[in-house]
Each structure stands twice: as C-alpha cells, then as structure tokens.
Amino acid sequence: MFEQAQIQEFKEAFSCIDQNRDGIICKSDLRETYSQLGKVNVPEEELDAMLQEGKGPINFTVFLTLFGEKLNGTDPEEAILSAFRLFDPSGKGVVNRDEFKQLLLTQADKFSLAEVKIPAPSTPLQAPSQGPQPAGPWGGLGDPLPSWA
C-alpha cells in the first residue's frame, strides 16, 4: 500500500503521537499531541471518536491501516506540492496569507470564515535538514499560514 520511505515517515509520525512511548496511541497521547500543536481543550468526544476508528488499540499496524484507508483516493504528494507552487510565483517557498485566505473564501469548495480562522500547523511539510526538494523550495511551507484572526 505504501512505499518504504512513506512507511518510515508514518513511523516517525506515530512516534511523535505516541507520547508515552508504549507502542499504543491512547487518549492522553492525542491530548498531548494536540496541546503541542497549540490546540487545547479538545472535546473528549472528539478524542474518543478518533480512537474508535481503530476498533481496538491503535498500534503502528492499525495506525498505518487507518491512514491507508483515509488516503485512498487522495492526490499524490507531487500534485499537492504543485498546487501550492501556484501560490508561490517567486519560488521562495512562501504563500501570501491574504491572497490564500481570499481564494479559500471565494473559490471552488468555499471555506467559511470560521474555517479560515482555524490556525494551521506551523510545522513545515519537510524539515530543511532533509535535503533539497525537486522543482523548487516547496518541501515545506515557508510561511506556515498561522491563524488569520
């Protein structure tokens, strides 16, 4: 289902979420992960719903299977990166927040103002230490698109 490099990335993501390092993602792991991303007071129901998707303990195999199900039918990574390159005509790896916000509010599947105000993660898609990316700097979002509130 996934290439070896993708599996390695999922292992890294799993280990970041598995805060207590017991090999199982539990509610406290999710709560702490959200907290580290700046989202506090996540409703218990939301955390429970996430855990219930695994239909049992979420170890790495279940985690990988869940992502396989979620990603089935999504665009390849290169297509997504190409789409973001359209918002960076200078090739600097930076998206203009105001222009991007306007597009989200007015084009295709329009976002609501409330959706646009939800803070985006500030972690780049790929850390600079992982080497240069093909076709420009879009290995990571130079401007992490924080909250537009």
N, C-alpha and C. Protein backbone atom coordinates (compact mmCIF):
# COMPACT_ATOMS: atom_id res chain seq x y z
N MET A 1 0.82 -1.19 0.00
CA MET A 1 0.00 0.00 0.00
C MET A 1 0.87 1.26 0.00
N PHE A 2 1.98 1.25 0.76
CA PHE A 2 2.87 2.40 0.85
C PHE A 2 4.28 1.99 0.46
N GLU A 3 5.04 2.97 -0.02
CA GLU A 3 6.45 2.74 -0.31
C GLU A 3 7.22 2.76 1.01
N GLN A 4 8.41 2.20 1.00
CA GLN A 4 9.21 2.10 2.22
C GLN A 4 9.48 3.48 2.84
N ALA A 5 9.77 4.48 2.01
CA ALA A 5 10.02 5.82 2.53
C ALA A 5 8.78 6.38 3.23
N GLN A 6 7.60 6.09 2.67
CA GLN A 6 6.36 6.56 3.30
C GLN A 6 6.14 5.86 4.64
N ILE A 7 6.42 4.58 4.68
CA ILE A 7 6.26 3.83 5.93
C ILE A 7 7.16 4.41 7.01
N GLN A 8 8.38 4.79 6.62
CA GLN A 8 9.31 5.40 7.58
C GLN A 8 8.74 6.72 8.09
N GLU A 9 8.13 7.52 7.22
CA GLU A 9 7.53 8.78 7.64
C GLU A 9 6.37 8.52 8.61
N PHE A 10 5.58 7.48 8.34
CA PHE A 10 4.48 7.14 9.23
C PHE A 10 5.02 6.67 10.59
N LYS A 11 6.15 5.96 10.58
CA LYS A 11 6.75 5.53 11.85
C LYS A 11 7.16 6.75 12.67
N GLU A 12 7.74 7.74 12.00
CA GLU A 12 8.14 8.96 12.70
C GLU A 12 6.92 9.68 13.25
N ALA A 13 5.85 9.76 12.46
CA ALA A 13 4.62 10.42 12.92
C ALA A 13 4.03 9.66 14.10
N PHE A 14 4.00 8.33 14.00
CA PHE A 14 3.46 7.51 15.09
C PHE A 14 4.25 7.76 16.38
N SER A 15 5.57 7.81 16.27
CA SER A 15 6.38 8.01 17.47
C SER A 15 6.19 9.40 18.05
N CYS A 16 5.87 10.39 17.22
CA CYS A 16 5.58 11.73 17.73
C CYS A 16 4.25 11.75 18.48
N ILE A 17 3.28 10.99 18.02
CA ILE A 17 1.96 10.95 18.65
C ILE A 17 1.98 10.08 19.90
N ASP A 18 2.72 8.98 19.86
CA ASP A 18 2.80 8.06 21.00
C ASP A 18 3.67 8.68 22.08
N GLN A 19 3.10 9.65 22.78
CA GLN A 19 3.85 10.46 23.73
C GLN A 19 4.47 9.64 24.87
N ASN A 20 3.77 8.62 25.34
CA ASN A 20 4.29 7.84 26.47
C ASN A 20 5.15 6.65 26.02
N ARG A 21 5.35 6.53 24.71
CA ARG A 21 6.24 5.52 24.12
C ARG A 21 5.91 4.09 24.51
N ASP A 22 4.62 3.78 24.62
CA ASP A 22 4.24 2.40 24.96
C ASP A 22 3.82 1.59 23.74
N GLY A 23 3.89 2.18 22.54
CA GLY A 23 3.54 1.47 21.32
C GLY A 23 2.06 1.49 20.99
N ILE A 24 1.26 2.19 21.79
CA ILE A 24 -0.18 2.29 21.58
C ILE A 24 -0.57 3.76 21.71
N ILE A 25 -1.36 4.26 20.76
CA ILE A 25 -1.86 5.62 20.87
C ILE A 25 -3.12 5.61 21.72
N CYS A 26 -3.08 6.38 22.81
CA CYS A 26 -4.22 6.46 23.73
C CYS A 26 -4.70 7.91 23.79
N LYS A 27 -5.75 8.13 24.56
CA LYS A 27 -6.35 9.46 24.65
C LYS A 27 -5.36 10.50 25.17
N SER A 28 -4.56 10.14 26.16
CA SER A 28 -3.60 11.12 26.69
C SER A 28 -2.53 11.45 25.65
N ASP A 29 -2.17 10.48 24.81
CA ASP A 29 -1.22 10.75 23.72
C ASP A 29 -1.81 11.78 22.75
N LEU A 30 -3.07 11.59 22.38
CA LEU A 30 -3.72 12.52 21.45
C LEU A 30 -3.84 13.91 22.07
N ARG A 31 -4.26 13.96 23.33
CA ARG A 31 -4.42 15.24 24.01
C ARG A 31 -3.09 15.99 24.05
N GLU A 32 -2.01 15.30 24.39
CA GLU A 32 -0.70 15.94 24.45
C GLU A 32 -0.23 16.39 23.07
N THR A 33 -0.48 15.58 22.06
CA THR A 33 -0.10 15.96 20.69
C THR A 33 -0.83 17.22 20.27
N TYR A 34 -2.14 17.25 20.51
CA TYR A 34 -2.91 18.46 20.19
C TYR A 34 -2.36 19.66 20.96
N SER A 35 -2.04 19.47 22.20
CA SER A 35 -1.52 20.55 23.02
C SER A 35 -0.22 21.10 22.44
N GLN A 36 0.64 20.22 21.99
CA GLN A 36 1.91 20.66 21.40
C GLN A 36 1.69 21.43 20.10
N LEU A 37 0.56 21.16 19.43
CA LEU A 37 0.23 21.88 18.20
C LEU A 37 -0.56 23.15 18.48
N GLY A 38 -0.79 23.44 19.77
CA GLY A 38 -1.48 24.67 20.14
C GLY A 38 -2.98 24.55 20.31
N LYS A 39 -3.50 23.35 20.20
CA LYS A 39 -4.94 23.17 20.36
C LYS A 39 -5.19 22.52 21.72
N VAL A 40 -5.71 23.32 22.64
CA VAL A 40 -6.01 22.82 23.98
C VAL A 40 -7.52 22.69 24.13
N ASN A 41 -7.92 21.98 25.15
CA ASN A 41 -9.34 21.77 25.42
C ASN A 41 -10.06 21.06 24.27
N VAL A 42 -9.44 20.04 23.72
CA VAL A 42 -10.08 19.23 22.68
C VAL A 42 -11.19 18.43 23.37
N PRO A 43 -12.41 18.47 22.83
CA PRO A 43 -13.51 17.74 23.47
C PRO A 43 -13.22 16.24 23.59
N GLU A 44 -13.60 15.67 24.72
CA GLU A 44 -13.42 14.24 24.97
C GLU A 44 -14.05 13.41 23.85
N GLU A 45 -15.20 13.86 23.37
CA GLU A 45 -15.92 13.12 22.33
C GLU A 45 -15.08 13.03 21.05
N GLU A 46 -14.37 14.11 20.74
CA GLU A 46 -13.53 14.12 19.54
C GLU A 46 -12.38 13.13 19.68
N LEU A 47 -11.75 13.12 20.84
CA LEU A 47 -10.66 12.17 21.09
C LEU A 47 -11.18 10.73 21.07
N ASP A 48 -12.32 10.51 21.70
CA ASP A 48 -12.92 9.17 21.71
C ASP A 48 -13.24 8.70 20.30
N ALA A 49 -13.79 9.60 19.49
CA ALA A 49 -14.14 9.24 18.10
C ALA A 49 -12.89 8.84 17.31
N MET A 50 -11.80 9.57 17.54
CA MET A 50 -10.56 9.24 16.84
C MET A 50 -10.08 7.84 17.24
N LEU A 51 -10.14 7.56 18.52
CA LEU A 51 -9.67 6.25 19.00
C LEU A 51 -10.59 5.12 18.53
N GLN A 52 -11.86 5.39 18.42
CA GLN A 52 -12.82 4.36 18.00
C GLN A 52 -12.63 3.96 16.54
N GLU A 53 -12.00 4.82 15.75
CA GLU A 53 -11.74 4.46 14.35
C GLU A 53 -10.83 3.25 14.26
N GLY A 54 -10.00 3.04 15.28
CA GLY A 54 -9.09 1.90 15.27
C GLY A 54 -9.75 0.59 15.65
N LYS A 55 -10.96 0.64 16.17
CA LYS A 55 -11.69 -0.56 16.58
C LYS A 55 -10.85 -1.45 17.49
N GLY A 56 -10.15 -0.82 18.42
CA GLY A 56 -9.27 -1.52 19.34
C GLY A 56 -8.03 -0.69 19.56
N PRO A 57 -7.04 -1.22 20.26
CA PRO A 57 -5.81 -0.46 20.50
C PRO A 57 -5.14 -0.04 19.19
N ILE A 58 -4.66 1.20 19.14
CA ILE A 58 -4.03 1.71 17.91
C ILE A 58 -2.52 1.57 18.03
N ASN A 59 -2.02 0.44 17.53
CA ASN A 59 -0.57 0.25 17.44
C ASN A 59 -0.13 0.73 16.06
N PHE A 60 1.13 0.56 15.71
CA PHE A 60 1.61 1.09 14.43
C PHE A 60 0.90 0.45 13.24
N THR A 61 0.64 -0.84 13.29
CA THR A 61 -0.03 -1.51 12.17
C THR A 61 -1.42 -0.94 11.95
N VAL A 62 -2.16 -0.74 13.04
CA VAL A 62 -3.51 -0.16 12.93
C VAL A 62 -3.41 1.28 12.42
N PHE A 63 -2.45 2.02 12.95
CA PHE A 63 -2.22 3.41 12.53
C PHE A 63 -1.98 3.48 11.03
N LEU A 64 -1.12 2.61 10.52
CA LEU A 64 -0.80 2.58 9.09
C LEU A 64 -2.04 2.21 8.27
N THR A 65 -2.81 1.25 8.75
CA THR A 65 -4.03 0.84 8.06
C THR A 65 -5.04 1.99 8.01
N LEU A 66 -5.20 2.69 9.13
CA LEU A 66 -6.13 3.83 9.16
C LEU A 66 -5.73 4.90 8.15
N PHE A 67 -4.45 5.21 8.08
CA PHE A 67 -4.00 6.20 7.12
C PHE A 67 -4.17 5.69 5.69
N GLY A 68 -3.96 4.42 5.48
CA GLY A 68 -4.19 3.85 4.15
C GLY A 68 -5.63 4.04 3.71
N GLU A 69 -6.55 3.81 4.64
CA GLU A 69 -7.98 3.99 4.34
C GLU A 69 -8.30 5.46 4.09
N LYS A 70 -7.73 6.34 4.90
CA LYS A 70 -8.01 7.78 4.77
C LYS A 70 -7.40 8.36 3.49
N LEU A 71 -6.22 7.89 3.12
CA LEU A 71 -5.52 8.45 1.98
C LEU A 71 -5.91 7.82 0.66
N ASN A 72 -6.67 6.75 0.70
CA ASN A 72 -7.10 6.09 -0.52
C ASN A 72 -7.90 7.06 -1.38
N GLY A 73 -7.44 7.30 -2.59
CA GLY A 73 -8.13 8.20 -3.50
C GLY A 73 -7.69 9.65 -3.40
N THR A 74 -6.71 9.95 -2.55
CA THR A 74 -6.22 11.33 -2.47
C THR A 74 -5.18 11.57 -3.56
N ASP A 75 -4.90 12.82 -3.79
CA ASP A 75 -3.91 13.18 -4.80
C ASP A 75 -2.51 12.80 -4.35
N PRO A 76 -1.65 12.44 -5.30
CA PRO A 76 -0.26 12.15 -4.95
C PRO A 76 0.41 13.40 -4.38
N GLU A 77 1.44 13.19 -3.59
CA GLU A 77 2.16 14.29 -2.94
C GLU A 77 2.63 15.33 -3.96
N GLU A 78 3.15 14.88 -5.08
CA GLU A 78 3.67 15.83 -6.07
C GLU A 78 2.56 16.72 -6.62
N ALA A 79 1.35 16.19 -6.79
CA ALA A 79 0.23 17.01 -7.26
C ALA A 79 -0.13 18.09 -6.25
N ILE A 80 -0.09 17.73 -4.98
CA ILE A 80 -0.39 18.70 -3.92
C ILE A 80 0.69 19.78 -3.87
N LEU A 81 1.96 19.36 -3.93
CA LEU A 81 3.05 20.33 -3.92
C LEU A 81 2.99 21.24 -5.14
N SER A 82 2.62 20.69 -6.29
CA SER A 82 2.47 21.51 -7.50
C SER A 82 1.38 22.55 -7.32
N ALA A 83 0.30 22.16 -6.67
CA ALA A 83 -0.79 23.12 -6.42
C ALA A 83 -0.29 24.27 -5.55
N PHE A 84 0.49 23.98 -4.51
CA PHE A 84 1.00 25.05 -3.67
C PHE A 84 2.02 25.91 -4.41
N ARG A 85 2.74 25.33 -5.35
CA ARG A 85 3.70 26.12 -6.13
C ARG A 85 2.99 27.22 -6.91
N LEU A 86 1.73 26.99 -7.27
CA LEU A 86 0.96 28.01 -7.99
C LEU A 86 0.77 29.26 -7.15
N PHE A 87 0.78 29.12 -5.83
CA PHE A 87 0.61 30.25 -4.92
C PHE A 87 1.94 30.91 -4.57
N ASP A 88 3.00 30.45 -5.20
CA ASP A 88 4.35 30.96 -4.92
C ASP A 88 5.07 31.26 -6.23
N PRO A 89 4.60 32.27 -6.96
CA PRO A 89 5.19 32.53 -8.27
C PRO A 89 6.68 32.89 -8.22
N SER A 90 7.16 33.41 -7.10
CA SER A 90 8.57 33.78 -6.99
C SER A 90 9.46 32.58 -6.66
N GLY A 91 8.85 31.44 -6.27
CA GLY A 91 9.62 30.24 -5.96
C GLY A 91 10.38 30.30 -4.66
N LYS A 92 9.93 31.14 -3.71
CA LYS A 92 10.63 31.29 -2.44
C LYS A 92 10.11 30.36 -1.35
N GLY A 93 9.06 29.61 -1.64
CA GLY A 93 8.51 28.71 -0.62
C GLY A 93 7.62 29.42 0.37
N VAL A 94 7.02 30.54 -0.04
CA VAL A 94 6.18 31.33 0.85
C VAL A 94 4.84 31.58 0.17
N VAL A 95 3.77 31.40 0.94
CA VAL A 95 2.42 31.66 0.44
C VAL A 95 1.93 32.96 1.08
N ASN A 96 1.39 33.85 0.27
CA ASN A 96 0.82 35.09 0.79
C ASN A 96 -0.48 34.76 1.49
N ARG A 97 -0.53 35.01 2.80
CA ARG A 97 -1.70 34.66 3.61
C ARG A 97 -2.97 35.31 3.11
N ASP A 98 -2.92 36.60 2.83
CA ASP A 98 -4.13 37.32 2.43
C ASP A 98 -4.69 36.79 1.12
N GLU A 99 -3.82 36.55 0.14
CA GLU A 99 -4.26 36.00 -1.14
C GLU A 99 -4.83 34.59 -0.96
N PHE A 100 -4.15 33.80 -0.17
CA PHE A 100 -4.59 32.42 0.06
C PHE A 100 -5.94 32.41 0.77
N LYS A 101 -6.09 33.27 1.77
CA LYS A 101 -7.35 33.38 2.50
C LYS A 101 -8.48 33.75 1.54
N GLN A 102 -8.24 34.71 0.68
CA GLN A 102 -9.26 35.14 -0.27
C GLN A 102 -9.68 34.00 -1.19
N LEU A 103 -8.71 33.23 -1.65
CA LEU A 103 -9.03 32.09 -2.51
C LEU A 103 -9.85 31.03 -1.76
N LEU A 104 -9.48 30.76 -0.51
CA LEU A 104 -10.24 29.78 0.27
C LEU A 104 -11.68 30.22 0.49
N LEU A 105 -11.89 31.52 0.60
CA LEU A 105 -13.24 32.04 0.85
C LEU A 105 -14.09 32.15 -0.41
N THR A 106 -13.46 32.20 -1.59
CA THR A 106 -14.21 32.53 -2.80
C THR A 106 -14.19 31.48 -3.90
N GLN A 107 -13.30 30.50 -3.86
CA GLN A 107 -13.15 29.57 -4.98
C GLN A 107 -13.62 28.16 -4.65
N ALA A 108 -14.05 27.44 -5.65
CA ALA A 108 -14.40 26.01 -5.59
C ALA A 108 -15.23 25.67 -4.34
N ASP A 109 -14.75 24.73 -3.53
CA ASP A 109 -15.44 24.36 -2.29
C ASP A 109 -15.12 25.42 -1.25
N LYS A 110 -15.90 26.49 -1.25
CA LYS A 110 -15.61 27.65 -0.41
C LYS A 110 -15.56 27.31 1.08
N PHE A 111 -14.55 27.84 1.74
CA PHE A 111 -14.42 27.72 3.19
C PHE A 111 -15.27 28.80 3.84
N SER A 112 -15.75 28.53 5.03
CA SER A 112 -16.43 29.56 5.80
C SER A 112 -15.36 30.41 6.48
N LEU A 113 -15.74 31.60 6.95
CA LEU A 113 -14.80 32.45 7.66
C LEU A 113 -14.28 31.75 8.91
N ALA A 114 -15.15 30.99 9.57
CA ALA A 114 -14.73 30.25 10.77
C ALA A 114 -13.66 29.21 10.42
N GLU A 115 -13.82 28.52 9.29
CA GLU A 115 -12.83 27.51 8.88
C GLU A 115 -11.49 28.17 8.55
N VAL A 116 -11.53 29.31 7.92
CA VAL A 116 -10.31 30.00 7.54
C VAL A 116 -9.57 30.52 8.77
N LYS A 117 -10.30 30.80 9.85
CA LYS A 117 -9.66 31.32 11.05
C LYS A 117 -9.04 30.23 11.91
N ILE A 118 -9.26 28.96 11.59
CA ILE A 118 -8.65 27.88 12.35
C ILE A 118 -7.15 27.91 12.07
N PRO A 119 -6.32 27.95 13.11
CA PRO A 119 -4.88 28.02 12.89
C PRO A 119 -4.36 26.77 12.18
N ALA A 120 -3.50 26.98 11.23
CA ALA A 120 -2.84 25.88 10.54
C ALA A 120 -1.60 25.49 11.34
N PRO A 121 -1.18 24.23 11.25
CA PRO A 121 0.05 23.83 11.95
C PRO A 121 1.22 24.67 11.46
N SER A 122 2.13 24.99 12.35
CA SER A 122 3.27 25.81 11.97
C SER A 122 4.50 24.98 11.64
N THR A 123 4.36 23.67 11.59
CA THR A 123 5.46 22.80 11.26
C THR A 123 5.57 22.70 9.74
N PRO A 124 6.76 22.89 9.18
CA PRO A 124 6.91 22.76 7.73
C PRO A 124 6.61 21.33 7.28
N LEU A 125 6.23 21.21 6.00
CA LEU A 125 5.96 19.89 5.46
C LEU A 125 7.20 19.01 5.49
N GLN A 126 8.34 19.61 5.29
CA GLN A 126 9.58 18.84 5.34
C GLN A 126 10.66 19.73 5.93
N ALA A 127 11.38 19.21 6.88
CA ALA A 127 12.44 19.99 7.53
C ALA A 127 13.57 20.25 6.55
N PRO A 128 14.18 21.44 6.62
CA PRO A 128 15.27 21.77 5.71
C PRO A 128 16.43 20.78 5.78
N SER A 129 16.63 20.13 6.91
CA SER A 129 17.75 19.21 7.05
C SER A 129 17.59 17.95 6.22
N GLN A 130 16.40 17.75 5.65
CA GLN A 130 16.17 16.54 4.88
C GLN A 130 16.58 16.70 3.42
N GLY A 131 17.26 17.77 3.10
CA GLY A 131 17.81 17.93 1.77
C GLY A 131 16.91 18.72 0.85
N PRO A 132 17.43 19.10 -0.30
CA PRO A 132 16.67 19.90 -1.25
C PRO A 132 15.52 19.09 -1.86
N GLN A 133 14.50 19.80 -2.22
CA GLN A 133 13.34 19.18 -2.84
C GLN A 133 13.39 19.41 -4.35
N PRO A 134 12.89 18.47 -5.13
CA PRO A 134 12.85 18.68 -6.57
C PRO A 134 11.90 19.82 -6.92
N ALA A 135 12.17 20.49 -8.00
CA ALA A 135 11.30 21.52 -8.56
C ALA A 135 11.05 22.67 -7.59
N GLY A 136 12.05 23.10 -6.85
CA GLY A 136 11.90 24.30 -6.03
C GLY A 136 11.85 24.03 -4.55
N PRO A 137 11.54 25.08 -3.79
CA PRO A 137 11.63 25.02 -2.34
C PRO A 137 10.40 24.44 -1.65
N TRP A 138 9.47 23.89 -2.38
CA TRP A 138 8.20 23.51 -1.77
C TRP A 138 8.25 22.22 -0.99
N GLY A 139 9.37 21.88 -0.38
CA GLY A 139 9.39 20.78 0.55
C GLY A 139 8.71 21.17 1.84
N GLY A 140 8.58 22.45 2.07
CA GLY A 140 7.90 22.96 3.27
C GLY A 140 7.29 24.30 2.97
N LEU A 141 6.28 24.65 3.70
CA LEU A 141 5.65 25.95 3.54
C LEU A 141 6.48 26.97 4.29
N GLY A 142 7.16 27.86 3.57
CA GLY A 142 7.97 28.86 4.21
C GLY A 142 7.17 29.72 5.15
N ASP A 143 5.95 30.03 4.79
CA ASP A 143 5.05 30.78 5.66
C ASP A 143 4.01 29.79 6.16
N PRO A 144 4.04 29.43 7.43
CA PRO A 144 3.19 28.35 7.93
C PRO A 144 1.71 28.64 7.98
N LEU A 145 1.27 29.80 7.49
CA LEU A 145 -0.15 30.14 7.48
C LEU A 145 -0.81 30.02 8.85
N PRO A 146 -0.33 30.79 9.83
CA PRO A 146 -0.97 30.73 11.14
C PRO A 146 -2.35 31.36 11.08
N SER A 147 -3.01 31.43 12.21
CA SER A 147 -4.38 31.94 12.28
C SER A 147 -4.49 33.31 11.65
N TRP A 148 -5.56 33.50 10.90
CA TRP A 148 -5.81 34.79 10.25
C TRP A 148 -6.77 35.62 11.06
N ALA A 149 -7.00 35.26 12.30
CA ALA A 149 -7.96 36.01 13.12
C ALA A 149 -7.50 37.41 13.38
